Amino acid sequence: MLIVLISLLLVKRVGRWSALFVVLAVGALPAAGFDGVAGFIESYCVQCHGGNKEQGGVTLHDLGSNFEEEETVDRWLEVLSQLTTGDMPPRDATTFPSGPLRRSVIQWIETNLESSDRAESSSRVNGLRNFGLKAALCAVCSMFSGSVGECKY
């Protein structure tokens, strides 16, 4: 409700396009820290991966922020993988995070994984990041070449 009121005031003061930009920017990034990311998980993940529902055997309603725990790191790596590849939320979901919001959550996860004492998580994050780029390059190549064979990247 507050965003609607702010947007109406902005339209009167600065114009429609500037108001749209401000409203999108305000809702584009989560609050700093775990609380903002937990809000993201609550908004986009828990309806299918919550306490009462665990599609794919995954629950996220109780995902913590202690990156020194192996189970927590493994769960965050899975979340990172799904967000990075764009597999989650699925295409038939009713709501989708904006690109900037998704990227900010990915960045928060990567930062916490890399700064934890769990060294193997950093190598897994870097491998995932490289996989994402490689997958994108291969998808573009196969789209233009028409072949779906071995990717040179």
N, C-alpha and C. Protein backbone atom coordinates (compact mmCIF):
# COMPACT_ATOMS: atom_id res chain seq x y z
N MET A 1 0.82 -1.19 0.00
CA MET A 1 0.00 0.00 0.00
C MET A 1 0.86 1.25 0.00
N LEU A 2 1.93 1.23 0.79
CA LEU A 2 2.81 2.37 0.87
C LEU A 2 3.46 2.66 -0.48
N ILE A 3 3.86 1.61 -1.19
CA ILE A 3 4.49 1.80 -2.50
C ILE A 3 3.51 2.44 -3.47
N VAL A 4 2.24 2.07 -3.40
CA VAL A 4 1.22 2.67 -4.27
C VAL A 4 1.11 4.16 -3.99
N LEU A 5 1.07 4.53 -2.72
CA LEU A 5 0.98 5.95 -2.37
C LEU A 5 2.21 6.72 -2.82
N ILE A 6 3.38 6.14 -2.59
CA ILE A 6 4.61 6.80 -3.02
C ILE A 6 4.64 6.95 -4.53
N SER A 7 4.23 5.92 -5.25
CA SER A 7 4.24 6.01 -6.71
C SER A 7 3.28 7.06 -7.22
N LEU A 8 2.12 7.20 -6.59
CA LEU A 8 1.17 8.25 -6.99
C LEU A 8 1.76 9.63 -6.76
N LEU A 9 2.41 9.82 -5.64
CA LEU A 9 3.04 11.10 -5.36
C LEU A 9 4.18 11.38 -6.35
N LEU A 10 4.96 10.38 -6.66
CA LEU A 10 6.06 10.56 -7.60
C LEU A 10 5.57 10.89 -9.00
N VAL A 11 4.49 10.27 -9.43
CA VAL A 11 3.95 10.56 -10.76
C VAL A 11 3.58 12.03 -10.87
N LYS A 12 2.99 12.56 -9.83
CA LYS A 12 2.59 13.98 -9.84
C LYS A 12 3.82 14.89 -9.84
N ARG A 13 4.90 14.49 -9.14
CA ARG A 13 6.07 15.34 -8.96
C ARG A 13 7.10 15.22 -10.09
N VAL A 14 7.45 13.99 -10.48
CA VAL A 14 8.57 13.81 -11.40
C VAL A 14 8.20 13.17 -12.73
N GLY A 15 6.99 12.75 -12.88
CA GLY A 15 6.59 12.15 -14.14
C GLY A 15 6.49 10.64 -14.05
N ARG A 16 5.81 10.08 -15.01
CA ARG A 16 5.49 8.66 -15.01
C ARG A 16 6.73 7.77 -15.09
N TRP A 17 7.67 8.04 -15.99
CA TRP A 17 8.81 7.14 -16.18
C TRP A 17 9.78 7.21 -15.01
N SER A 18 9.99 8.38 -14.48
CA SER A 18 10.86 8.50 -13.31
C SER A 18 10.24 7.78 -12.11
N ALA A 19 8.94 7.91 -11.95
CA ALA A 19 8.26 7.24 -10.85
C ALA A 19 8.36 5.73 -11.00
N LEU A 20 8.19 5.24 -12.22
CA LEU A 20 8.30 3.80 -12.45
C LEU A 20 9.69 3.31 -12.08
N PHE A 21 10.70 4.07 -12.48
CA PHE A 21 12.08 3.68 -12.16
C PHE A 21 12.29 3.62 -10.65
N VAL A 22 11.82 4.62 -9.93
CA VAL A 22 12.00 4.66 -8.48
C VAL A 22 11.27 3.49 -7.81
N VAL A 23 10.04 3.24 -8.22
CA VAL A 23 9.28 2.14 -7.62
C VAL A 23 9.96 0.80 -7.90
N LEU A 24 10.43 0.60 -9.11
CA LEU A 24 11.13 -0.66 -9.42
C LEU A 24 12.43 -0.77 -8.64
N ALA A 25 13.14 0.32 -8.51
CA ALA A 25 14.41 0.30 -7.77
C ALA A 25 14.18 0.01 -6.30
N VAL A 26 13.15 0.57 -5.72
CA VAL A 26 12.86 0.34 -4.30
C VAL A 26 12.56 -1.13 -4.06
N GLY A 27 11.84 -1.78 -4.94
CA GLY A 27 11.51 -3.18 -4.76
C GLY A 27 12.50 -4.13 -5.39
N ALA A 28 13.60 -3.62 -5.93
CA ALA A 28 14.52 -4.46 -6.68
C ALA A 28 15.51 -5.22 -5.83
N LEU A 29 15.86 -4.71 -4.67
CA LEU A 29 16.89 -5.35 -3.88
C LEU A 29 16.38 -5.67 -2.48
N PRO A 30 16.79 -6.81 -1.95
CA PRO A 30 16.35 -7.13 -0.60
C PRO A 30 17.09 -6.28 0.42
N ALA A 31 16.56 -6.22 1.61
CA ALA A 31 17.27 -5.55 2.69
C ALA A 31 18.61 -6.24 2.88
N ALA A 32 19.59 -5.48 3.32
CA ALA A 32 20.93 -6.04 3.49
C ALA A 32 20.90 -7.19 4.48
N GLY A 33 21.69 -8.20 4.19
CA GLY A 33 21.85 -9.30 5.12
C GLY A 33 20.86 -10.43 4.94
N PHE A 34 20.92 -11.32 5.89
CA PHE A 34 20.14 -12.55 5.82
C PHE A 34 18.64 -12.29 5.82
N ASP A 35 18.17 -11.28 6.54
CA ASP A 35 16.73 -11.02 6.61
C ASP A 35 16.15 -10.75 5.22
N GLY A 36 16.86 -9.98 4.42
CA GLY A 36 16.39 -9.71 3.06
C GLY A 36 16.36 -10.95 2.19
N VAL A 37 17.38 -11.78 2.31
CA VAL A 37 17.44 -13.01 1.54
C VAL A 37 16.38 -14.00 2.04
N ALA A 38 16.17 -14.02 3.36
CA ALA A 38 15.12 -14.89 3.92
C ALA A 38 13.75 -14.45 3.39
N GLY A 39 13.55 -13.15 3.22
CA GLY A 39 12.31 -12.65 2.63
C GLY A 39 12.15 -13.12 1.18
N PHE A 40 13.25 -13.14 0.44
CA PHE A 40 13.25 -13.64 -0.93
C PHE A 40 12.84 -15.11 -0.94
N ILE A 41 13.46 -15.91 -0.07
CA ILE A 41 13.14 -17.35 0.01
C ILE A 41 11.67 -17.53 0.36
N GLU A 42 11.19 -16.73 1.31
CA GLU A 42 9.78 -16.81 1.71
C GLU A 42 8.86 -16.45 0.54
N SER A 43 9.21 -15.43 -0.20
CA SER A 43 8.34 -14.96 -1.30
C SER A 43 8.34 -15.87 -2.52
N TYR A 44 9.50 -16.44 -2.85
CA TYR A 44 9.61 -17.14 -4.13
C TYR A 44 9.87 -18.65 -4.03
N CYS A 45 10.15 -19.17 -2.84
CA CYS A 45 10.55 -20.57 -2.74
C CYS A 45 9.69 -21.42 -1.81
N VAL A 46 9.30 -20.84 -0.67
CA VAL A 46 8.68 -21.63 0.39
C VAL A 46 7.32 -22.20 0.00
N GLN A 47 6.60 -21.56 -0.93
CA GLN A 47 5.30 -22.10 -1.30
C GLN A 47 5.42 -23.51 -1.89
N CYS A 48 6.56 -23.84 -2.48
CA CYS A 48 6.77 -25.20 -3.00
C CYS A 48 7.79 -25.99 -2.18
N HIS A 49 8.63 -25.28 -1.43
CA HIS A 49 9.70 -25.93 -0.67
C HIS A 49 9.64 -25.53 0.79
N GLY A 50 8.43 -25.56 1.37
CA GLY A 50 8.24 -25.17 2.77
C GLY A 50 8.05 -26.36 3.67
N GLY A 51 7.62 -26.11 4.89
CA GLY A 51 7.44 -27.17 5.87
C GLY A 51 6.40 -28.19 5.48
N ASN A 52 5.31 -27.74 4.85
CA ASN A 52 4.24 -28.65 4.46
C ASN A 52 4.42 -29.23 3.07
N LYS A 53 5.32 -28.65 2.30
CA LYS A 53 5.55 -29.08 0.92
C LYS A 53 7.05 -29.17 0.69
N GLU A 54 7.49 -30.26 0.13
CA GLU A 54 8.91 -30.34 -0.18
C GLU A 54 9.10 -30.95 -1.56
N GLN A 55 8.76 -30.18 -2.56
CA GLN A 55 8.92 -30.66 -3.93
C GLN A 55 10.39 -30.94 -4.21
N GLY A 56 10.64 -32.06 -4.84
CA GLY A 56 12.00 -32.46 -5.13
C GLY A 56 12.80 -32.83 -3.89
N GLY A 57 12.12 -33.05 -2.77
CA GLY A 57 12.81 -33.39 -1.53
C GLY A 57 13.55 -32.23 -0.90
N VAL A 58 13.22 -30.99 -1.31
CA VAL A 58 13.92 -29.80 -0.82
C VAL A 58 12.98 -28.95 0.03
N THR A 59 13.43 -28.62 1.24
CA THR A 59 12.70 -27.66 2.07
C THR A 59 13.61 -26.48 2.36
N LEU A 60 13.05 -25.29 2.32
CA LEU A 60 13.85 -24.08 2.54
C LEU A 60 13.31 -23.19 3.64
N HIS A 61 12.18 -23.55 4.23
CA HIS A 61 11.58 -22.70 5.26
C HIS A 61 12.47 -22.54 6.49
N ASP A 62 13.35 -23.50 6.72
CA ASP A 62 14.21 -23.48 7.90
C ASP A 62 15.69 -23.29 7.55
N LEU A 63 15.95 -22.76 6.36
CA LEU A 63 17.33 -22.55 5.90
C LEU A 63 18.00 -21.47 6.74
N GLY A 64 19.10 -21.81 7.36
CA GLY A 64 19.79 -20.88 8.24
C GLY A 64 20.90 -20.12 7.54
N SER A 65 21.62 -19.33 8.32
CA SER A 65 22.67 -18.49 7.75
C SER A 65 24.05 -18.82 8.31
N ASN A 66 24.20 -19.95 8.99
CA ASN A 66 25.50 -20.32 9.53
C ASN A 66 26.28 -21.09 8.46
N PHE A 67 27.14 -20.39 7.76
CA PHE A 67 27.87 -20.98 6.64
C PHE A 67 29.06 -21.82 7.11
N GLU A 68 29.17 -22.05 8.41
CA GLU A 68 30.19 -22.95 8.93
C GLU A 68 29.65 -24.37 9.06
N GLU A 69 28.33 -24.53 8.93
CA GLU A 69 27.70 -25.85 9.00
C GLU A 69 27.63 -26.47 7.61
N GLU A 70 28.09 -27.69 7.51
CA GLU A 70 28.15 -28.37 6.21
C GLU A 70 26.77 -28.48 5.55
N GLU A 71 25.77 -28.85 6.33
CA GLU A 71 24.41 -28.99 5.77
C GLU A 71 23.90 -27.66 5.23
N THR A 72 24.15 -26.59 5.96
CA THR A 72 23.71 -25.25 5.52
C THR A 72 24.40 -24.87 4.22
N VAL A 73 25.70 -25.11 4.15
CA VAL A 73 26.46 -24.79 2.93
C VAL A 73 25.91 -25.59 1.75
N ASP A 74 25.67 -26.87 1.95
CA ASP A 74 25.15 -27.71 0.87
C ASP A 74 23.78 -27.20 0.38
N ARG A 75 22.94 -26.82 1.31
CA ARG A 75 21.61 -26.32 0.93
C ARG A 75 21.73 -24.99 0.17
N TRP A 76 22.60 -24.09 0.64
CA TRP A 76 22.78 -22.82 -0.06
C TRP A 76 23.40 -23.02 -1.44
N LEU A 77 24.29 -24.00 -1.56
CA LEU A 77 24.85 -24.29 -2.88
C LEU A 77 23.77 -24.74 -3.85
N GLU A 78 22.82 -25.52 -3.36
CA GLU A 78 21.70 -25.95 -4.21
C GLU A 78 20.84 -24.76 -4.61
N VAL A 79 20.55 -23.88 -3.65
CA VAL A 79 19.78 -22.67 -3.96
C VAL A 79 20.53 -21.83 -4.99
N LEU A 80 21.84 -21.67 -4.78
CA LEU A 80 22.66 -20.90 -5.71
C LEU A 80 22.62 -21.50 -7.11
N SER A 81 22.73 -22.81 -7.18
CA SER A 81 22.68 -23.50 -8.47
C SER A 81 21.36 -23.24 -9.18
N GLN A 82 20.27 -23.38 -8.46
CA GLN A 82 18.94 -23.20 -9.07
C GLN A 82 18.71 -21.76 -9.52
N LEU A 83 19.19 -20.80 -8.74
CA LEU A 83 19.02 -19.39 -9.11
C LEU A 83 19.93 -19.01 -10.27
N THR A 84 21.16 -19.51 -10.24
CA THR A 84 22.14 -19.17 -11.28
C THR A 84 21.72 -19.72 -12.64
N THR A 85 21.24 -20.94 -12.66
CA THR A 85 20.83 -21.54 -13.93
C THR A 85 19.46 -21.07 -14.39
N GLY A 86 18.71 -20.43 -13.49
CA GLY A 86 17.37 -19.97 -13.84
C GLY A 86 16.31 -21.05 -13.76
N ASP A 87 16.66 -22.21 -13.18
CA ASP A 87 15.70 -23.30 -13.07
C ASP A 87 14.61 -23.02 -12.04
N MET A 88 14.91 -22.16 -11.08
CA MET A 88 13.94 -21.82 -10.05
C MET A 88 13.85 -20.30 -9.95
N PRO A 89 12.70 -19.78 -9.70
CA PRO A 89 11.42 -20.46 -9.71
C PRO A 89 11.11 -21.03 -11.10
N PRO A 90 10.30 -22.08 -11.14
CA PRO A 90 9.99 -22.70 -12.44
C PRO A 90 9.15 -21.78 -13.32
N ARG A 91 9.11 -22.09 -14.58
CA ARG A 91 8.39 -21.25 -15.54
C ARG A 91 6.90 -21.12 -15.23
N ASP A 92 6.32 -22.10 -14.58
CA ASP A 92 4.89 -22.04 -14.29
C ASP A 92 4.58 -21.41 -12.93
N ALA A 93 5.57 -20.81 -12.30
CA ALA A 93 5.35 -20.13 -11.01
C ALA A 93 4.46 -18.91 -11.21
N THR A 94 3.80 -18.50 -10.15
CA THR A 94 2.89 -17.35 -10.26
C THR A 94 3.62 -16.03 -10.08
N THR A 95 4.75 -16.02 -9.37
CA THR A 95 5.53 -14.80 -9.19
C THR A 95 6.99 -15.08 -9.48
N PHE A 96 7.67 -14.07 -10.00
CA PHE A 96 9.08 -14.18 -10.35
C PHE A 96 9.85 -13.00 -9.78
N PRO A 97 11.06 -13.25 -9.28
CA PRO A 97 11.88 -12.13 -8.83
C PRO A 97 12.42 -11.35 -10.02
N SER A 98 12.64 -10.06 -9.81
CA SER A 98 13.24 -9.25 -10.87
C SER A 98 14.69 -9.70 -11.05
N GLY A 99 15.26 -9.35 -12.18
CA GLY A 99 16.67 -9.67 -12.44
C GLY A 99 17.61 -9.11 -11.38
N PRO A 100 17.46 -7.81 -11.04
CA PRO A 100 18.34 -7.25 -10.00
C PRO A 100 18.16 -7.94 -8.65
N LEU A 101 16.95 -8.32 -8.32
CA LEU A 101 16.70 -8.99 -7.05
C LEU A 101 17.37 -10.36 -7.04
N ARG A 102 17.19 -11.12 -8.12
CA ARG A 102 17.83 -12.44 -8.24
C ARG A 102 19.34 -12.31 -8.13
N ARG A 103 19.91 -11.34 -8.85
CA ARG A 103 21.37 -11.15 -8.83
C ARG A 103 21.87 -10.76 -7.43
N SER A 104 21.10 -9.94 -6.71
CA SER A 104 21.55 -9.53 -5.38
C SER A 104 21.54 -10.72 -4.42
N VAL A 105 20.57 -11.61 -4.55
CA VAL A 105 20.54 -12.80 -3.70
C VAL A 105 21.69 -13.74 -4.07
N ILE A 106 21.93 -13.92 -5.35
CA ILE A 106 23.06 -14.74 -5.79
C ILE A 106 24.36 -14.18 -5.23
N GLN A 107 24.52 -12.87 -5.31
CA GLN A 107 25.74 -12.24 -4.80
C GLN A 107 25.88 -12.44 -3.29
N TRP A 108 24.78 -12.32 -2.56
CA TRP A 108 24.83 -12.53 -1.11
C TRP A 108 25.25 -13.95 -0.78
N ILE A 109 24.69 -14.92 -1.49
CA ILE A 109 25.04 -16.32 -1.25
C ILE A 109 26.52 -16.55 -1.56
N GLU A 110 26.97 -16.08 -2.72
CA GLU A 110 28.37 -16.26 -3.12
C GLU A 110 29.32 -15.63 -2.11
N THR A 111 29.00 -14.43 -1.67
CA THR A 111 29.85 -13.72 -0.71
C THR A 111 29.96 -14.51 0.59
N ASN A 112 28.85 -15.02 1.08
CA ASN A 112 28.87 -15.78 2.33
C ASN A 112 29.57 -17.12 2.17
N LEU A 113 29.40 -17.77 1.04
CA LEU A 113 30.10 -19.03 0.81
C LEU A 113 31.60 -18.80 0.72
N GLU A 114 32.00 -17.75 0.01
CA GLU A 114 33.42 -17.49 -0.18
C GLU A 114 34.10 -17.01 1.11
N SER A 115 33.38 -16.34 1.98
CA SER A 115 34.00 -15.83 3.21
C SER A 115 33.93 -16.83 4.36
N SER A 116 33.26 -17.95 4.16
CA SER A 116 33.20 -18.96 5.23
C SER A 116 34.51 -19.74 5.28
N ASP A 117 34.70 -20.46 6.36
CA ASP A 117 35.90 -21.27 6.51
C ASP A 117 35.83 -22.55 5.69
N ARG A 118 34.76 -22.77 5.03
CA ARG A 118 34.58 -24.00 4.26
C ARG A 118 35.16 -23.79 2.86
N ALA A 119 36.45 -24.06 2.72
CA ALA A 119 37.19 -23.76 1.49
C ALA A 119 36.60 -24.44 0.27
N GLU A 120 36.10 -25.67 0.44
CA GLU A 120 35.57 -26.37 -0.74
C GLU A 120 34.35 -25.67 -1.32
N SER A 121 33.64 -24.91 -0.50
CA SER A 121 32.47 -24.21 -1.02
C SER A 121 32.89 -23.17 -2.05
N SER A 122 34.02 -22.50 -1.82
CA SER A 122 34.48 -21.49 -2.76
C SER A 122 34.80 -22.10 -4.11
N SER A 123 35.46 -23.26 -4.10
CA SER A 123 35.77 -23.89 -5.38
C SER A 123 34.50 -24.36 -6.07
N ARG A 124 33.50 -24.79 -5.29
CA ARG A 124 32.23 -25.21 -5.89
C ARG A 124 31.49 -24.01 -6.46
N VAL A 125 31.58 -22.85 -5.77
CA VAL A 125 30.95 -21.63 -6.28
C VAL A 125 31.60 -21.21 -7.58
N ASN A 126 32.95 -21.22 -7.62
CA ASN A 126 33.64 -20.83 -8.85
C ASN A 126 33.32 -21.79 -9.98
N GLY A 127 33.24 -23.08 -9.68
CA GLY A 127 32.87 -24.05 -10.71
C GLY A 127 31.47 -23.81 -11.22
N LEU A 128 30.55 -23.47 -10.32
CA LEU A 128 29.18 -23.17 -10.72
C LEU A 128 29.12 -21.92 -11.58
N ARG A 129 29.88 -20.89 -11.19
CA ARG A 129 29.90 -19.66 -11.96
C ARG A 129 30.42 -19.94 -13.37
N ASN A 130 31.51 -20.73 -13.46
CA ASN A 130 32.06 -21.08 -14.77
C ASN A 130 31.08 -21.94 -15.56
N PHE A 131 30.38 -22.85 -14.89
CA PHE A 131 29.40 -23.68 -15.58
C PHE A 131 28.30 -22.83 -16.20
N GLY A 132 27.85 -21.81 -15.48
CA GLY A 132 26.80 -20.95 -15.99
C GLY A 132 27.21 -20.25 -17.28
N LEU A 133 28.44 -19.74 -17.31
CA LEU A 133 28.94 -19.07 -18.51
C LEU A 133 29.11 -20.07 -19.65
N LYS A 134 29.67 -21.23 -19.33
CA LYS A 134 29.86 -22.26 -20.36
C LYS A 134 28.52 -22.71 -20.93
N ALA A 135 27.55 -22.92 -20.06
CA ALA A 135 26.24 -23.36 -20.51
C ALA A 135 25.61 -22.31 -21.43
N ALA A 136 25.76 -21.04 -21.08
CA ALA A 136 25.20 -19.97 -21.90
C ALA A 136 25.88 -19.94 -23.27
N LEU A 137 27.20 -20.05 -23.29
CA LEU A 137 27.92 -20.05 -24.56
C LEU A 137 27.51 -21.23 -25.44
N CYS A 138 27.39 -22.39 -24.83
CA CYS A 138 26.99 -23.58 -25.59
C CYS A 138 25.57 -23.46 -26.12
N ALA A 139 24.69 -22.87 -25.33
CA ALA A 139 23.31 -22.69 -25.79
C ALA A 139 23.26 -21.75 -26.99
N VAL A 140 24.02 -20.67 -26.95
CA VAL A 140 24.05 -19.73 -28.07
C VAL A 140 24.64 -20.40 -29.30
N CYS A 141 25.74 -21.13 -29.12
CA CYS A 141 26.38 -21.81 -30.25
C CYS A 141 25.44 -22.81 -30.89
N SER A 142 24.77 -23.62 -30.07
CA SER A 142 23.88 -24.63 -30.64
C SER A 142 22.66 -23.98 -31.29
N MET A 143 22.26 -22.83 -30.80
CA MET A 143 21.11 -22.13 -31.38
C MET A 143 21.43 -21.66 -32.80
N PHE A 144 22.66 -21.18 -33.00
CA PHE A 144 23.03 -20.67 -34.32
C PHE A 144 23.57 -21.74 -35.25
N SER A 145 24.18 -22.77 -34.69
CA SER A 145 24.75 -23.80 -35.55
C SER A 145 23.72 -24.88 -35.91
N GLY A 146 22.72 -25.04 -35.06
CA GLY A 146 21.71 -26.05 -35.32
C GLY A 146 22.09 -27.43 -34.81
N SER A 147 23.30 -27.59 -34.28
CA SER A 147 23.72 -28.88 -33.75
C SER A 147 23.73 -28.83 -32.23
N VAL A 148 23.45 -29.98 -31.64
CA VAL A 148 23.43 -30.07 -30.19
C VAL A 148 24.47 -31.08 -29.73
N GLY A 149 25.63 -31.03 -30.33
CA GLY A 149 26.68 -31.98 -29.99
C GLY A 149 27.56 -31.48 -28.87
N GLU A 150 28.77 -31.98 -28.86
CA GLU A 150 29.76 -31.58 -27.86
C GLU A 150 30.07 -30.09 -28.01
N CYS A 151 30.08 -29.40 -26.90
CA CYS A 151 30.34 -27.96 -26.92
C CYS A 151 31.84 -27.73 -26.80
N LYS A 152 32.38 -26.82 -27.59
CA LYS A 152 33.82 -26.56 -27.55
C LYS A 152 34.22 -25.69 -26.37
N TYR A 153 33.23 -25.12 -25.68
CA TYR A 153 33.55 -24.28 -24.53
C TYR A 153 33.52 -25.13 -23.30
